[in-house]
C-alpha atoms as a PDB file:
ATOM      1  CA  MET A   1       5.046  66.563  22.783  1.00  0.00           C
ATOM      2  CA  PHE A   2       7.818  67.344  20.285  1.00  0.00           C
ATOM      3  CA  LYS A   3      10.960  65.276  19.977  1.00  0.00           C
ATOM      4  CA  ASP A   4      14.404  66.701  19.353  1.00  0.00           C
ATOM      5  CA  LEU A   5      15.055  65.415  15.855  1.00  0.00           C
ATOM      6  CA  SER A   6      18.476  67.072  15.741  1.00  0.00           C
ATOM      7  CA  LYS A   7      19.896  63.762  17.015  1.00  0.00           C
ATOM      8  CA  ILE A   8      19.310  62.351  13.522  1.00  0.00           C
ATOM      9  CA  TYR A   9      20.411  65.413  11.502  1.00  0.00           C
ATOM     10  CA  LEU A  10      23.296  65.137   9.069  1.00  0.00           C
ATOM     11  CA  ARG A  11      24.852  67.542   6.604  1.00  0.00           C
ATOM     12  CA  PRO A  12      25.282  66.471   2.954  1.00  0.00           C
ATOM     13  CA  SER A  13      29.065  66.380   3.433  1.00  0.00           C
ATOM     14  CA  ASP A  14      28.901  63.954   6.393  1.00  0.00           C
ATOM     15  CA  PRO A  15      30.072  60.400   5.634  1.00  0.00           C
ATOM     16  CA  ILE A  16      27.700  57.480   5.303  1.00  0.00           C
ATOM     17  CA  SER A  17      29.349  55.931   8.367  1.00  0.00           C
ATOM     18  CA  SER A  18      27.961  58.821  10.464  1.00  0.00           C
ATOM     19  CA  ALA A  19      24.497  58.084   9.127  1.00  0.00           C
ATOM     20  CA  LEU A  20      24.810  54.449  10.170  1.00  0.00           C
ATOM     21  CA  VAL A  21      25.843  55.448  13.699  1.00  0.00           C
ATOM     22  CA  LYS A  22      22.942  57.901  14.033  1.00  0.00           C
ATOM     23  CA  MET A  23      20.490  55.316  12.727  1.00  0.00           C
ATOM     24  CA  SER A  24      21.716  52.792  15.283  1.00  0.00           C
ATOM     25  CA  GLU A  25      21.525  55.268  18.179  1.00  0.00           C
ATOM     26  CA  ALA A  26      18.098  56.695  17.284  1.00  0.00           C
ATOM     27  CA  ARG A  27      16.129  54.260  19.429  1.00  0.00           C
ATOM     28  CA  ARG A  28      18.045  55.411  22.488  1.00  0.00           C
ATOM     29  CA  TYR A  29      16.339  58.797  22.030  1.00  0.00           C
ATOM     30  CA  PHE A  30      12.952  57.260  21.094  1.00  0.00           C
ATOM     31  CA  LEU A  31      13.358  58.462  17.519  1.00  0.00           C
ATOM     32  CA  PRO A  32      12.645  56.542  14.318  1.00  0.00           C
ATOM     33  CA  ALA A  33      15.417  54.056  13.610  1.00  0.00           C
ATOM     34  CA  GLY A  34      16.693  53.503  10.104  1.00  0.00           C
ATOM     35  CA  ILE A  35      16.490  57.090   8.865  1.00  0.00           C
ATOM     36  CA  VAL A  36      18.500  60.291   9.032  1.00  0.00           C
ATOM     37  CA  LEU A  37      17.413  63.775   8.058  1.00  0.00           C
ATOM     38  CA  VAL A  38      19.772  65.629   5.745  1.00  0.00           C
ATOM     39  CA  VAL A  39      19.698  69.344   6.563  1.00  0.00           C
ATOM     40  CA  ASP A  40      21.484  72.488   5.373  1.00  0.00           C
ATOM     41  CA  LYS A  41      23.369  74.933   7.604  1.00  0.00           C
ATOM     42  CA  GLU A  42      20.079  76.612   8.597  1.00  0.00           C
ATOM     43  CA  GLU A  43      18.729  73.149   9.536  1.00  0.00           C
ATOM     44  CA  ARG A  44      16.212  73.149   6.684  1.00  0.00           C
ATOM     45  CA  LEU A  45      15.316  69.691   5.490  1.00  0.00           C
ATOM     46  CA  MET A  46      17.015  68.745   2.230  1.00  0.00           C
ATOM     47  CA  GLY A  47      16.108  65.063   2.203  1.00  0.00           C
ATOM     48  CA  ILE A  48      15.773  61.793   4.046  1.00  0.00           C
ATOM     49  CA  VAL A  49      18.172  58.845   3.802  1.00  0.00           C
ATOM     50  CA  THR A  50      17.113  55.374   4.901  1.00  0.00           C
ATOM     51  CA  ASP A  51      19.128  52.319   5.799  1.00  0.00           C
ATOM     52  CA  GLY A  52      17.800  50.728   2.613  1.00  0.00           C
ATOM     53  CA  ASP A  53      19.150  53.617   0.529  1.00  0.00           C
ATOM     54  CA  ILE A  54      22.591  53.079   2.031  1.00  0.00           C
ATOM     55  CA  ARG A  55      22.506  49.285   1.633  1.00  0.00           C
ATOM     56  CA  ARG A  56      21.539  49.568  -2.038  1.00  0.00           C
ATOM     57  CA  ALA A  57      24.199  52.199  -2.825  1.00  0.00           C
ATOM     58  CA  VAL A  58      26.983  50.292  -1.063  1.00  0.00           C
ATOM     59  CA  SER A  59      25.998  46.861  -2.416  1.00  0.00           C
ATOM     60  CA  ARG A  60      25.874  48.202  -5.986  1.00  0.00           C
ATOM     61  CA  GLY A  61      29.291  49.801  -5.627  1.00  0.00           C
ATOM     62  CA  LYS A  62      27.914  53.334  -5.997  1.00  0.00           C
ATOM     63  CA  ALA A  63      29.105  54.432  -2.545  1.00  0.00           C
ATOM     64  CA  ALA A  64      31.423  53.454   0.281  1.00  0.00           C
ATOM     65  CA  VAL A  65      30.899  54.076   3.988  1.00  0.00           C
ATOM     66  CA  THR A  66      33.401  56.927   3.682  1.00  0.00           C
ATOM     67  CA  SER A  67      31.400  58.587   0.881  1.00  0.00           C
ATOM     68  CA  PRO A  68      29.411  61.709   1.736  1.00  0.00           C
ATOM     69  CA  ILE A  69      25.672  61.395   2.125  1.00  0.00           C
END
């Protein structure tokens, strides 16, 4: 059985706040919580962002929740 991972897709230009929302809602769709998949316009995987990545960037002042992924 394959799961629809598009629920946790983000584009590189999407804000960090969108990533946080998707991470929080992932369990509702029985998807891994705490990660988002960064994809290009053809939905090819570019990278993975975790909640830890976001926490470290924000706490070190390298990003704000309005910053792009």
